[in-house]
């Protein structure tokens, strides 16, 4: 797990660093939120002190990802852009 986030603070730093630019394609934001959910889930198993707060962030990122996936399903291909 070298170079992988080990704490809630580390995970927040990683999420902030890889955040897409404003106006990025919805698919890029979807991948961002999906990756964050996976990362927070993994860190929740390591940083037991912040386990419940990390589980909150897993749920938050999963909800954001699902909202974007639903948005992508409801709009014809090539039309959706921005957050």
PDB file of N, CA and C in Angstrom:
ATOM      1  N   UNK A   1       0.810  -1.201   0.000  1.00  0.00           N
ATOM      2  CA  UNK A   1       0.000   0.000   0.000  1.00  0.00           C
ATOM      3  C   UNK A   1       0.854   1.265   0.000  1.00  0.00           C
ATOM      4  N   UNK A   2       2.071   1.141  -0.423  1.00  0.00           N
ATOM      5  CA  UNK A   2       2.949   2.297  -0.464  1.00  0.00           C
ATOM      6  C   UNK A   2       2.369   3.367  -1.378  1.00  0.00           C
ATOM      7  N   UNK A   3       2.431   4.609  -0.935  1.00  0.00           N
ATOM      8  CA  UNK A   3       1.910   5.778  -1.666  1.00  0.00           C
ATOM      9  C   UNK A   3       0.392   5.801  -1.772  1.00  0.00           C
ATOM     10  N   UNK A   4      -0.287   4.904  -1.106  1.00  0.00           N
ATOM     11  CA  UNK A   4      -1.738   4.928  -1.062  1.00  0.00           C
ATOM     12  C   UNK A   4      -2.159   5.700   0.186  1.00  0.00           C
ATOM     13  N   UNK A   5      -3.276   6.412   0.113  1.00  0.00           N
ATOM     14  CA  UNK A   5      -3.724   7.145   1.302  1.00  0.00           C
ATOM     15  C   UNK A   5      -3.988   6.192   2.464  1.00  0.00           C
ATOM     16  N   UNK A   6      -3.577   6.602   3.651  1.00  0.00           N
ATOM     17  CA  UNK A   6      -3.723   5.779   4.847  1.00  0.00           C
ATOM     18  C   UNK A   6      -4.674   6.399   5.867  1.00  0.00           C
ATOM     19  N   UNK A   7      -5.004   7.670   5.689  1.00  0.00           N
ATOM     20  CA  UNK A   7      -5.856   8.373   6.646  1.00  0.00           C
ATOM     21  C   UNK A   7      -6.923   9.156   5.897  1.00  0.00           C
ATOM     22  N   UNK A   8      -7.924   9.591   6.641  1.00  0.00           N
ATOM     23  CA  UNK A   8      -8.960  10.447   6.073  1.00  0.00           C
ATOM     24  C   UNK A   8      -8.338  11.691   5.459  1.00  0.00           C
ATOM     25  N   UNK A   9      -7.409  12.294   6.167  1.00  0.00           N
ATOM     26  CA  UNK A   9      -6.750  13.501   5.656  1.00  0.00           C
ATOM     27  C   UNK A   9      -6.028  13.211   4.343  1.00  0.00           C
ATOM     28  N   UNK A  10      -5.300  12.087   4.286  1.00  0.00           N
ATOM     29  CA  UNK A  10      -4.614  11.695   3.045  1.00  0.00           C
ATOM     30  C   UNK A  10      -5.617  11.542   1.898  1.00  0.00           C
ATOM     31  N   UNK A  11      -6.726  10.880   2.192  1.00  0.00           N
ATOM     32  CA  UNK A  11      -7.738  10.632   1.161  1.00  0.00           C
ATOM     33  C   UNK A  11      -8.322  11.944   0.649  1.00  0.00           C
ATOM     34  N   UNK A  12      -8.597  12.872   1.547  1.00  0.00           N
ATOM     35  CA  UNK A  12      -9.103  14.176   1.120  1.00  0.00           C
ATOM     36  C   UNK A  12      -8.075  14.883   0.236  1.00  0.00           C
ATOM     37  N   UNK A  13      -6.811  14.774   0.574  1.00  0.00           N
ATOM     38  CA  UNK A  13      -5.752  15.407  -0.228  1.00  0.00           C
ATOM     39  C   UNK A  13      -5.696  14.812  -1.630  1.00  0.00           C
ATOM     40  N   UNK A  14      -5.798  13.489  -1.713  1.00  0.00           N
ATOM     41  CA  UNK A  14      -5.787  12.822  -3.018  1.00  0.00           C
ATOM     42  C   UNK A  14      -7.001  13.259  -3.837  1.00  0.00           C
ATOM     43  N   UNK A  15      -8.171  13.272  -3.215  1.00  0.00           N
ATOM     44  CA  UNK A  15      -9.394  13.671  -3.926  1.00  0.00           C
ATOM     45  C   UNK A  15      -9.282  15.108  -4.442  1.00  0.00           C
ATOM     46  N   UNK A  16      -8.745  15.982  -3.625  1.00  0.00           N
ATOM     47  CA  UNK A  16      -8.590  17.383  -4.027  1.00  0.00           C
ATOM     48  C   UNK A  16      -7.613  17.504  -5.197  1.00  0.00           C
ATOM     49  N   UNK A  17      -6.525  16.767  -5.137  1.00  0.00           N
ATOM     50  CA  UNK A  17      -5.496  16.852  -6.177  1.00  0.00           C
ATOM     51  C   UNK A  17      -5.979  16.334  -7.534  1.00  0.00           C
ATOM     52  N   UNK A  18      -6.875  15.358  -7.533  1.00  0.00           N
ATOM     53  CA  UNK A  18      -7.304  14.780  -8.811  1.00  0.00           C
ATOM     54  C   UNK A  18      -8.663  15.301  -9.284  1.00  0.00           C
ATOM     55  N   UNK A  19      -9.188  16.288  -8.592  1.00  0.00           N
ATOM     56  CA  UNK A  19     -10.488  16.852  -8.954  1.00  0.00           C
ATOM     57  C   UNK A  19     -10.444  17.401 -10.380  1.00  0.00           C
ATOM     58  N   UNK A  20     -11.424  17.036 -11.203  1.00  0.00           N
ATOM     59  CA  UNK A  20     -11.457  17.553 -12.580  1.00  0.00           C
ATOM     60  C   UNK A  20     -11.641  19.072 -12.606  1.00  0.00           C
ATOM     61  N   UNK A  21     -11.255  19.655 -13.703  1.00  0.00           N
ATOM     62  CA  UNK A  21     -11.405  21.098 -13.870  1.00  0.00           C
ATOM     63  C   UNK A  21     -12.888  21.436 -13.995  1.00  0.00           C
ATOM     64  N   UNK A  22     -13.272  22.649 -13.591  1.00  0.00           N
ATOM     65  CA  UNK A  22     -14.670  23.061 -13.790  1.00  0.00           C
ATOM     66  C   UNK A  22     -15.010  22.961 -15.278  1.00  0.00           C
ATOM     67  N   UNK A  23     -16.180  22.493 -15.579  1.00  0.00           N
ATOM     68  CA  UNK A  23     -16.604  22.359 -16.969  1.00  0.00           C
ATOM     69  C   UNK A  23     -16.144  21.079 -17.640  1.00  0.00           C
ATOM     70  N   UNK A  24     -15.474  20.178 -16.885  1.00  0.00           N
ATOM     71  CA  UNK A  24     -15.041  18.904 -17.458  1.00  0.00           C
ATOM     72  C   UNK A  24     -16.275  18.089 -17.845  1.00  0.00           C
ATOM     73  N   UNK A  25     -16.076  17.148 -18.732  1.00  0.00           N
ATOM     74  CA  UNK A  25     -17.164  16.283 -19.172  1.00  0.00           C
ATOM     75  C   UNK A  25     -17.765  15.531 -17.979  1.00  0.00           C
ATOM     76  N   UNK A  26     -19.042  15.252 -18.069  1.00  0.00           N
ATOM     77  CA  UNK A  26     -19.733  14.526 -17.006  1.00  0.00           C
ATOM     78  C   UNK A  26     -19.079  13.160 -16.779  1.00  0.00           C
ATOM     79  N   UNK A  27     -18.635  12.516 -17.852  1.00  0.00           N
ATOM     80  CA  UNK A  27     -17.990  11.205 -17.702  1.00  0.00           C
ATOM     81  C   UNK A  27     -16.713  11.309 -16.864  1.00  0.00           C
ATOM     82  N   UNK A  28     -15.992  12.412 -16.975  1.00  0.00           N
ATOM     83  CA  UNK A  28     -14.786  12.606 -16.160  1.00  0.00           C
ATOM     84  C   UNK A  28     -15.165  12.784 -14.685  1.00  0.00           C
ATOM     85  N   UNK A  29     -16.230  13.550 -14.426  1.00  0.00           N
ATOM     86  CA  UNK A  29     -16.706  13.715 -13.047  1.00  0.00           C
ATOM     87  C   UNK A  29     -17.207  12.383 -12.488  1.00  0.00           C
ATOM     88  N   UNK A  30     -17.861  11.588 -13.323  1.00  0.00           N
ATOM     89  CA  UNK A  30     -18.346  10.269 -12.885  1.00  0.00           C
ATOM     90  C   UNK A  30     -17.168   9.393 -12.461  1.00  0.00           C
ATOM     91  N   UNK A  31     -16.137   9.324 -13.286  1.00  0.00           N
ATOM     92  CA  UNK A  31     -14.954   8.518 -12.933  1.00  0.00           C
ATOM     93  C   UNK A  31     -14.308   9.044 -11.650  1.00  0.00           C
ATOM     94  N   UNK A  32     -14.273  10.348 -11.471  1.00  0.00           N
ATOM     95  CA  UNK A  32     -13.715  10.966 -10.266  1.00  0.00           C
ATOM     96  C   UNK A  32     -14.466  10.493  -9.021  1.00  0.00           C
ATOM     97  N   UNK A  33     -15.782  10.574  -9.051  1.00  0.00           N
ATOM     98  CA  UNK A  33     -16.580  10.177  -7.884  1.00  0.00           C
ATOM     99  C   UNK A  33     -16.512   8.668  -7.636  1.00  0.00           C
ATOM    100  N   UNK A  34     -16.484   7.872  -8.689  1.00  0.00           N
ATOM    101  CA  UNK A  34     -16.349   6.420  -8.523  1.00  0.00           C
ATOM    102  C   UNK A  34     -14.999   6.070  -7.894  1.00  0.00           C
ATOM    103  N   UNK A  35     -13.938   6.707  -8.372  1.00  0.00           N
ATOM    104  CA  UNK A  35     -12.605   6.455  -7.819  1.00  0.00           C
ATOM    105  C   UNK A  35     -12.535   6.895  -6.361  1.00  0.00           C
ATOM    106  N   UNK A  36     -13.157   8.027  -6.046  1.00  0.00           N
ATOM    107  CA  UNK A  36     -13.169   8.498  -4.661  1.00  0.00           C
ATOM    108  C   UNK A  36     -13.900   7.517  -3.754  1.00  0.00           C
ATOM    109  N   UNK A  37     -15.021   6.989  -4.209  1.00  0.00           N
ATOM    110  CA  UNK A  37     -15.771   6.022  -3.394  1.00  0.00           C
ATOM    111  C   UNK A  37     -14.908   4.808  -3.087  1.00  0.00           C
ATOM    112  N   UNK A  38     -14.204   4.292  -4.105  1.00  0.00           N
ATOM    113  CA  UNK A  38     -13.320   3.138  -3.895  1.00  0.00           C
ATOM    114  C   UNK A  38     -12.210   3.487  -2.904  1.00  0.00           C
ATOM    115  N   UNK A  39     -11.616   4.666  -3.089  1.00  0.00           N
ATOM    116  CA  UNK A  39     -10.516   5.077  -2.227  1.00  0.00           C
ATOM    117  C   UNK A  39     -10.978   5.228  -0.781  1.00  0.00           C
ATOM    118  N   UNK A  40     -12.083   5.926  -0.556  1.00  0.00           N
ATOM    119  CA  UNK A  40     -12.573   6.112   0.809  1.00  0.00           C
ATOM    120  C   UNK A  40     -12.928   4.763   1.451  1.00  0.00           C
ATOM    121  N   UNK A  41     -13.477   3.834   0.662  1.00  0.00           N
ATOM    122  CA  UNK A  41     -13.804   2.507   1.186  1.00  0.00           C
ATOM    123  C   UNK A  41     -12.531   1.783   1.641  1.00  0.00           C
ATOM    124  N   UNK A  42     -11.497   1.843   0.823  1.00  0.00           N
ATOM    125  CA  UNK A  42     -10.239   1.185   1.173  1.00  0.00           C
ATOM    126  C   UNK A  42      -9.614   1.829   2.416  1.00  0.00           C
ATOM    127  N   UNK A  43      -9.615   3.147   2.479  1.00  0.00           N
ATOM    128  CA  UNK A  43      -9.018   3.844   3.620  1.00  0.00           C
ATOM    129  C   UNK A  43      -9.812   3.570   4.896  1.00  0.00           C
ATOM    130  N   UNK A  44     -11.118   3.349   4.780  1.00  0.00           N
ATOM    131  CA  UNK A  44     -11.936   3.077   5.967  1.00  0.00           C
ATOM    132  C   UNK A  44     -11.507   1.794   6.668  1.00  0.00           C
ATOM    133  N   UNK A  45     -10.855   0.898   5.936  1.00  0.00           N
ATOM    134  CA  UNK A  45     -10.364  -0.347   6.527  1.00  0.00           C
ATOM    135  C   UNK A  45      -9.015  -0.151   7.222  1.00  0.00           C
ATOM    136  N   UNK A  46      -8.334   0.944   6.922  1.00  0.00           N
ATOM    137  CA  UNK A  46      -7.015   1.211   7.488  1.00  0.00           C
ATOM    138  C   UNK A  46      -7.100   2.231   8.624  1.00  0.00           C
ATOM    139  N   UNK A  47      -7.790   3.321   8.379  1.00  0.00           N
ATOM    140  CA  UNK A  47      -7.913   4.402   9.365  1.00  0.00           C
ATOM    141  C   UNK A  47      -9.156   4.138  10.214  1.00  0.00           C
ATOM    142  N   UNK A  48      -9.030   3.234  11.158  1.00  0.00           N
ATOM    143  CA  UNK A  48     -10.184   2.838  11.973  1.00  0.00           C
ATOM    144  C   UNK A  48     -10.683   3.978  12.861  1.00  0.00           C
ATOM    145  N   UNK A  49      -9.821   4.914  13.190  1.00  0.00           N
ATOM    146  CA  UNK A  49     -10.226   6.047  14.023  1.00  0.00           C
ATOM    147  C   UNK A  49     -11.296   6.888  13.311  1.00  0.00           C
ATOM    148  N   UNK A  50     -11.226   6.955  11.989  1.00  0.00           N
ATOM    149  CA  UNK A  50     -12.176   7.754  11.196  1.00  0.00           C
ATOM    150  C   UNK A  50     -13.101   6.867  10.354  1.00  0.00           C
ATOM    151  N   UNK A  51     -13.260   5.614  10.756  1.00  0.00           N
ATOM    152  CA  UNK A  51     -14.025   4.638   9.975  1.00  0.00           C
ATOM    153  C   UNK A  51     -15.424   5.155   9.589  1.00  0.00           C
ATOM    154  N   UNK A  52     -16.160   5.665  10.553  1.00  0.00           N
ATOM    155  CA  UNK A  52     -17.539   6.087  10.268  1.00  0.00           C
ATOM    156  C   UNK A  52     -17.586   7.324   9.387  1.00  0.00           C
ATOM    157  N   UNK A  53     -16.669   8.241   9.586  1.00  0.00           N
ATOM    158  CA  UNK A  53     -16.631   9.416   8.718  1.00  0.00           C
ATOM    159  C   UNK A  53     -16.249   9.019   7.294  1.00  0.00           C
ATOM    160  N   UNK A  54     -15.327   8.082   7.166  1.00  0.00           N
ATOM    161  CA  UNK A  54     -14.958   7.589   5.843  1.00  0.00           C
ATOM    162  C   UNK A  54     -16.137   6.893   5.170  1.00  0.00           C
ATOM    163  N   UNK A  55     -16.925   6.137   5.940  1.00  0.00           N
ATOM    164  CA  UNK A  55     -18.115   5.497   5.372  1.00  0.00           C
ATOM    165  C   UNK A  55     -19.114   6.552   4.876  1.00  0.00           C
ATOM    166  N   UNK A  56     -19.200   7.675   5.584  1.00  0.00           N
ATOM    167  CA  UNK A  56     -20.036   8.776   5.103  1.00  0.00           C
ATOM    168  C   UNK A  56     -19.554   9.208   3.713  1.00  0.00           C
ATOM    169  N   UNK A  57     -18.243   9.392   3.563  1.00  0.00           N
ATOM    170  CA  UNK A  57     -17.692   9.854   2.288  1.00  0.00           C
ATOM    171  C   UNK A  57     -17.888   8.820   1.190  1.00  0.00           C
ATOM    172  N   UNK A  58     -17.837   7.547   1.526  1.00  0.00           N
ATOM    173  CA  UNK A  58     -18.131   6.497   0.532  1.00  0.00           C
ATOM    174  C   UNK A  58     -19.545   6.711  -0.001  1.00  0.00           C
ATOM    175  N   UNK A  59     -20.505   6.860   0.910  1.00  0.00           N
ATOM    176  CA  UNK A  59     -21.896   7.067   0.506  1.00  0.00           C
ATOM    177  C   UNK A  59     -22.083   8.333  -0.296  1.00  0.00           C
ATOM    178  N   UNK A  60     -21.433   9.419   0.131  1.00  0.00           N
ATOM    179  CA  UNK A  60     -21.527  10.696  -0.587  1.00  0.00           C
ATOM    180  C   UNK A  60     -21.036  10.533  -2.020  1.00  0.00           C
ATOM    181  N   UNK A  61     -19.861   9.937  -2.183  1.00  0.00           N
ATOM    182  CA  UNK A  61     -19.289   9.777  -3.524  1.00  0.00           C
ATOM    183  C   UNK A  61     -20.125   8.824  -4.378  1.00  0.00           C
ATOM    184  N   UNK A  62     -20.665   7.780  -3.778  1.00  0.00           N
ATOM    185  CA  UNK A  62     -21.526   6.864  -4.534  1.00  0.00           C
ATOM    186  C   UNK A  62     -22.801   7.562  -4.994  1.00  0.00           C
ATOM    187  N   UNK A  63     -23.381   8.402  -4.124  1.00  0.00           N
ATOM    188  CA  UNK A  63     -24.582   9.153  -4.524  1.00  0.00           C
ATOM    189  C   UNK A  63     -24.281  10.115  -5.666  1.00  0.00           C
ATOM    190  N   UNK A  64     -23.162  10.832  -5.581  1.00  0.00           N
ATOM    191  CA  UNK A  64     -22.784  11.753  -6.655  1.00  0.00           C
ATOM    192  C   UNK A  64     -22.580  10.985  -7.964  1.00  0.00           C
ATOM    193  N   UNK A  65     -21.912   9.838  -7.882  1.00  0.00           N
ATOM    194  CA  UNK A  65     -21.672   9.029  -9.080  1.00  0.00           C
ATOM    195  C   UNK A  65     -22.991   8.559  -9.681  1.00  0.00           C
ATOM    196  N   UNK A  66     -23.910   8.123  -8.843  1.00  0.00           N
ATOM    197  CA  UNK A  66     -25.196   7.655  -9.354  1.00  0.00           C
ATOM    198  C   UNK A  66     -25.988   8.797  -9.983  1.00  0.00           C
ATOM    199  N   UNK A  67     -25.953   9.978  -9.377  1.00  0.00           N
ATOM    200  CA  UNK A  67     -26.628  11.141  -9.969  1.00  0.00           C
ATOM    201  C   UNK A  67     -26.078  11.443 -11.365  1.00  0.00           C
ATOM    202  N   UNK A  68     -24.758  11.393 -11.493  1.00  0.00           N
ATOM    203  CA  UNK A  68     -24.148  11.677 -12.796  1.00  0.00           C
ATOM    204  C   UNK A  68     -24.439  10.575 -13.801  1.00  0.00           C
ATOM    205  N   UNK A  69     -24.431   9.314 -13.352  1.00  0.00           N
ATOM    206  CA  UNK A  69     -24.749   8.202 -14.252  1.00  0.00           C
ATOM    207  C   UNK A  69     -26.189   8.328 -14.751  1.00  0.00           C
ATOM    208  N   UNK A  70     -27.106   8.690 -13.863  1.00  0.00           N
ATOM    209  CA  UNK A  70     -28.506   8.879 -14.261  1.00  0.00           C
ATOM    210  C   UNK A  70     -28.623  10.031 -15.250  1.00  0.00           C
ATOM    211  N   UNK A  71     -27.884  11.082 -14.999  1.00  0.00           N
ATOM    212  CA  UNK A  71     -27.892  12.239 -15.909  1.00  0.00           C
ATOM    213  C   UNK A  71     -27.389  11.837 -17.288  1.00  0.00           C
ATOM    214  N   UNK A  72     -26.341  11.028 -17.316  1.00  0.00           N
ATOM    215  CA  UNK A  72     -25.798  10.583 -18.599  1.00  0.00           C
ATOM    216  C   UNK A  72     -26.785   9.687 -19.341  1.00  0.00           C
ATOM    217  N   UNK A  73     -27.521   8.854 -18.604  1.00  0.00           N
ATOM    218  CA  UNK A  73     -28.512   7.962 -19.224  1.00  0.00           C
ATOM    219  C   UNK A  73     -29.697   8.743 -19.805  1.00  0.00           C
ATOM    220  N   UNK A  74     -30.001   9.900 -19.218  1.00  0.00           N
ATOM    221  CA  UNK A  74     -31.188  10.629 -19.620  1.00  0.00           C
ATOM    222  C   UNK A  74     -30.975  11.608 -20.773  1.00  0.00           C
ATOM    223  N   UNK A  75     -29.723  11.809 -21.159  1.00  0.00           N
ATOM    224  CA  UNK A  75     -29.406  12.783 -22.214  1.00  0.00           C
ATOM    225  C   UNK A  75     -28.740  12.054 -23.374  1.00  0.00           C
ATOM    226  N   UNK A  76     -29.078  12.408 -24.605  1.00  0.00           N
ATOM    227  CA  UNK A  76     -28.445  11.767 -25.754  1.00  0.00           C
ATOM    228  C   UNK A  76     -26.915  11.913 -25.707  1.00  0.00           C
ATOM    229  N   UNK A  77     -26.220  10.901 -26.212  1.00  0.00           N
ATOM    230  CA  UNK A  77     -24.754  10.906 -26.216  1.00  0.00           C
ATOM    231  C   UNK A  77     -24.204  12.158 -26.883  1.00  0.00           C
ATOM    232  N   UNK A  78     -23.133  12.691 -26.306  1.00  0.00           N
ATOM    233  CA  UNK A  78     -22.474  13.854 -26.877  1.00  0.00           C
ATOM    234  C   UNK A  78     -23.043  15.185 -26.448  1.00  0.00           C
ATOM    235  N   UNK A  79     -24.168  15.177 -25.726  1.00  0.00           N
ATOM    236  CA  UNK A  79     -24.825  16.421 -25.335  1.00  0.00           C
ATOM    237  C   UNK A  79     -24.413  16.852 -23.936  1.00  0.00           C
ATOM    238  N   UNK A  80     -24.131  15.898 -23.045  1.00  0.00           N
ATOM    239  CA  UNK A  80     -23.856  16.189 -21.638  1.00  0.00           C
ATOM    240  C   UNK A  80     -22.430  16.679 -21.453  1.00  0.00           C
ATOM    241  N   UNK A  81     -22.290  17.832 -20.812  1.00  0.00           N
ATOM    242  CA  UNK A  81     -20.967  18.320 -20.439  1.00  0.00           C
ATOM    243  C   UNK A  81     -21.109  19.157 -19.196  1.00  0.00           C
ATOM    244  N   UNK A  82     -19.998  19.369 -18.507  1.00  0.00           N
ATOM    245  CA  UNK A  82     -20.016  20.152 -17.272  1.00  0.00           C
ATOM    246  C   UNK A  82     -20.561  19.372 -16.111  1.00  0.00           C
ATOM    247  N   UNK A  83     -20.378  19.945 -14.916  1.00  0.00           N
ATOM    248  CA  UNK A  83     -20.836  19.250 -13.712  1.00  0.00           C
ATOM    249  C   UNK A  83     -22.217  19.589 -13.365  1.00  0.00           C
TER     250      UNK A  83
END
